[in-house]
Amino acid sequence: METNKQIKYGVYVEIDTNEWMWDSGTHQISPAQPPLLFDTEEEAQTYSNKKWKTGRALEYPEHLKQYWREYEQERAKKIAQNVPPEL
């Protein structure tokens, strides 16, 4: 079964020796924030070149896109139900 999955690209940054994280487009890099994604590898590489010495433009994995979609859907439900965020 083939689906029309749109390929997205992110910037993977070596923040310490052999420690890599996706750039979230904010002033912090955190695994708790979704990454900044681009439609083309060229756009991601241009962004990376301007911001990072160790950044690489890579295709963002589909399973991680799904994770963040589900995360945002759950977050929206909690906001609609006025549930305070977890600290």
C-alpha atoms as a PDB file:
ATOM      1  CA  MET A   1       0.000   0.000   0.000  1.00  0.00           C
ATOM      2  CA  GLU A   2       1.586   3.230  -1.140  1.00  0.00           C
ATOM      3  CA  THR A   3       0.594   6.591   0.284  1.00  0.00           C
ATOM      4  CA  ASN A   4       1.428  10.104  -0.806  1.00  0.00           C
ATOM      5  CA  LYS A   5       3.851  11.080   1.923  1.00  0.00           C
ATOM      6  CA  GLN A   6       5.420  14.465   1.534  1.00  0.00           C
ATOM      7  CA  ILE A   7       9.161  14.438   2.093  1.00  0.00           C
ATOM      8  CA  LYS A   8      10.380  17.087   4.518  1.00  0.00           C
ATOM      9  CA  TYR A   9      13.912  18.064   5.443  1.00  0.00           C
ATOM     10  CA  GLY A  10      15.339  19.181   8.751  1.00  0.00           C
ATOM     11  CA  VAL A  11      18.679  20.388  10.008  1.00  0.00           C
ATOM     12  CA  TYR A  12      20.540  17.844  12.107  1.00  0.00           C
ATOM     13  CA  VAL A  13      23.168  19.532  14.274  1.00  0.00           C
ATOM     14  CA  GLU A  14      26.130  18.075  16.118  1.00  0.00           C
ATOM     15  CA  ILE A  15      25.814  19.953  19.416  1.00  0.00           C
ATOM     16  CA  ASP A  16      28.667  18.034  21.063  1.00  0.00           C
ATOM     17  CA  THR A  17      31.013  15.301  19.871  1.00  0.00           C
ATOM     18  CA  ASN A  18      28.772  12.589  18.392  1.00  0.00           C
ATOM     19  CA  GLU A  19      25.671  14.167  19.986  1.00  0.00           C
ATOM     20  CA  TRP A  20      23.144  15.157  17.318  1.00  0.00           C
ATOM     21  CA  MET A  21      19.753  16.883  17.566  1.00  0.00           C
ATOM     22  CA  TRP A  22      17.221  18.385  15.175  1.00  0.00           C
ATOM     23  CA  ASP A  23      17.117  22.207  15.023  1.00  0.00           C
ATOM     24  CA  SER A  24      13.752  23.433  16.273  1.00  0.00           C
ATOM     25  CA  GLY A  25      14.114  26.915  14.813  1.00  0.00           C
ATOM     26  CA  THR A  26      14.159  28.470  18.309  1.00  0.00           C
ATOM     27  CA  HIS A  27      17.022  29.653  20.471  1.00  0.00           C
ATOM     28  CA  GLN A  28      17.022  26.264  22.194  1.00  0.00           C
ATOM     29  CA  ILE A  29      17.655  22.790  20.903  1.00  0.00           C
ATOM     30  CA  SER A  30      15.528  20.348  22.806  1.00  0.00           C
ATOM     31  CA  PRO A  31      14.058  16.923  22.122  1.00  0.00           C
ATOM     32  CA  ALA A  32      10.835  18.295  23.637  1.00  0.00           C
ATOM     33  CA  GLN A  33      10.239  20.655  20.696  1.00  0.00           C
ATOM     34  CA  PRO A  34       9.304  19.757  17.143  1.00  0.00           C
ATOM     35  CA  PRO A  35      11.966  20.511  14.543  1.00  0.00           C
ATOM     36  CA  LEU A  36      11.872  23.203  11.928  1.00  0.00           C
ATOM     37  CA  LEU A  37      11.094  21.454   8.635  1.00  0.00           C
ATOM     38  CA  PHE A  38      11.659  22.536   5.041  1.00  0.00           C
ATOM     39  CA  ASP A  39      10.099  21.472   1.741  1.00  0.00           C
ATOM     40  CA  THR A  40      13.440  21.021  -0.014  1.00  0.00           C
ATOM     41  CA  GLU A  41      16.894  19.843   0.939  1.00  0.00           C
ATOM     42  CA  GLU A  42      18.314  23.038  -0.560  1.00  0.00           C
ATOM     43  CA  GLU A  43      16.209  25.245   1.749  1.00  0.00           C
ATOM     44  CA  ALA A  44      17.303  23.225   4.775  1.00  0.00           C
ATOM     45  CA  GLN A  45      20.963  23.384   3.748  1.00  0.00           C
ATOM     46  CA  THR A  46      20.806  27.143   3.161  1.00  0.00           C
ATOM     47  CA  TYR A  47      19.316  27.619   6.643  1.00  0.00           C
ATOM     48  CA  SER A  48      21.943  25.276   8.122  1.00  0.00           C
ATOM     49  CA  ASN A  49      24.831  27.095   6.430  1.00  0.00           C
ATOM     50  CA  LYS A  50      23.669  30.434   7.879  1.00  0.00           C
ATOM     51  CA  LYS A  51      23.198  29.154  11.430  1.00  0.00           C
ATOM     52  CA  TRP A  52      25.492  26.186  12.061  1.00  0.00           C
ATOM     53  CA  LYS A  53      29.017  24.979  11.389  1.00  0.00           C
ATOM     54  CA  THR A  54      28.028  21.364  12.118  1.00  0.00           C
ATOM     55  CA  GLY A  55      24.497  21.293  10.665  1.00  0.00           C
ATOM     56  CA  ARG A  56      23.407  18.906   7.924  1.00  0.00           C
ATOM     57  CA  ALA A  57      20.245  18.969   5.847  1.00  0.00           C
ATOM     58  CA  LEU A  58      18.647  15.524   6.086  1.00  0.00           C
ATOM     59  CA  GLU A  59      15.331  13.981   5.180  1.00  0.00           C
ATOM     60  CA  TYR A  60      13.179  14.004   8.315  1.00  0.00           C
ATOM     61  CA  PRO A  61      11.952  10.481   9.188  1.00  0.00           C
ATOM     62  CA  GLU A  62       8.247   9.761   8.646  1.00  0.00           C
ATOM     63  CA  HIS A  63       7.837   8.099  12.045  1.00  0.00           C
ATOM     64  CA  LEU A  64       9.018  11.293  13.760  1.00  0.00           C
ATOM     65  CA  LYS A  65       6.619  13.414  11.707  1.00  0.00           C
ATOM     66  CA  GLN A  66       3.820  11.109  12.869  1.00  0.00           C
ATOM     67  CA  TYR A  67       4.982  11.414  16.488  1.00  0.00           C
ATOM     68  CA  TRP A  68       4.808  15.226  16.374  1.00  0.00           C
ATOM     69  CA  ARG A  69       1.399  15.184  14.626  1.00  0.00           C
ATOM     70  CA  GLU A  70       0.011  12.997  17.414  1.00  0.00           C
ATOM     71  CA  TYR A  71       1.711  15.132  20.063  1.00  0.00           C
ATOM     72  CA  GLU A  72       0.153  18.328  18.676  1.00  0.00           C
ATOM     73  CA  GLN A  73      -3.289  16.708  18.408  1.00  0.00           C
ATOM     74  CA  GLU A  74      -3.119  15.603  22.052  1.00  0.00           C
ATOM     75  CA  ARG A  75      -1.866  19.031  23.101  1.00  0.00           C
ATOM     76  CA  ALA A  76      -4.771  20.708  21.277  1.00  0.00           C
ATOM     77  CA  LYS A  77      -7.260  18.437  23.066  1.00  0.00           C
ATOM     78  CA  LYS A  78      -5.774  19.341  26.448  1.00  0.00           C
ATOM     79  CA  ILE A  79      -5.907  23.042  25.624  1.00  0.00           C
ATOM     80  CA  ALA A  80      -9.547  22.725  24.551  1.00  0.00           C
ATOM     81  CA  GLN A  81     -10.338  20.924  27.832  1.00  0.00           C
ATOM     82  CA  ASN A  82      -8.377  23.551  29.801  1.00  0.00           C
ATOM     83  CA  VAL A  83      -5.951  20.941  31.172  1.00  0.00           C
ATOM     84  CA  PRO A  84      -2.777  22.606  32.511  1.00  0.00           C
ATOM     85  CA  PRO A  85       0.504  21.626  30.837  1.00  0.00           C
ATOM     86  CA  GLU A  86       2.771  19.096  32.488  1.00  0.00           C
ATOM     87  CA  LEU A  87       5.819  20.608  34.107  1.00  0.00           C
END
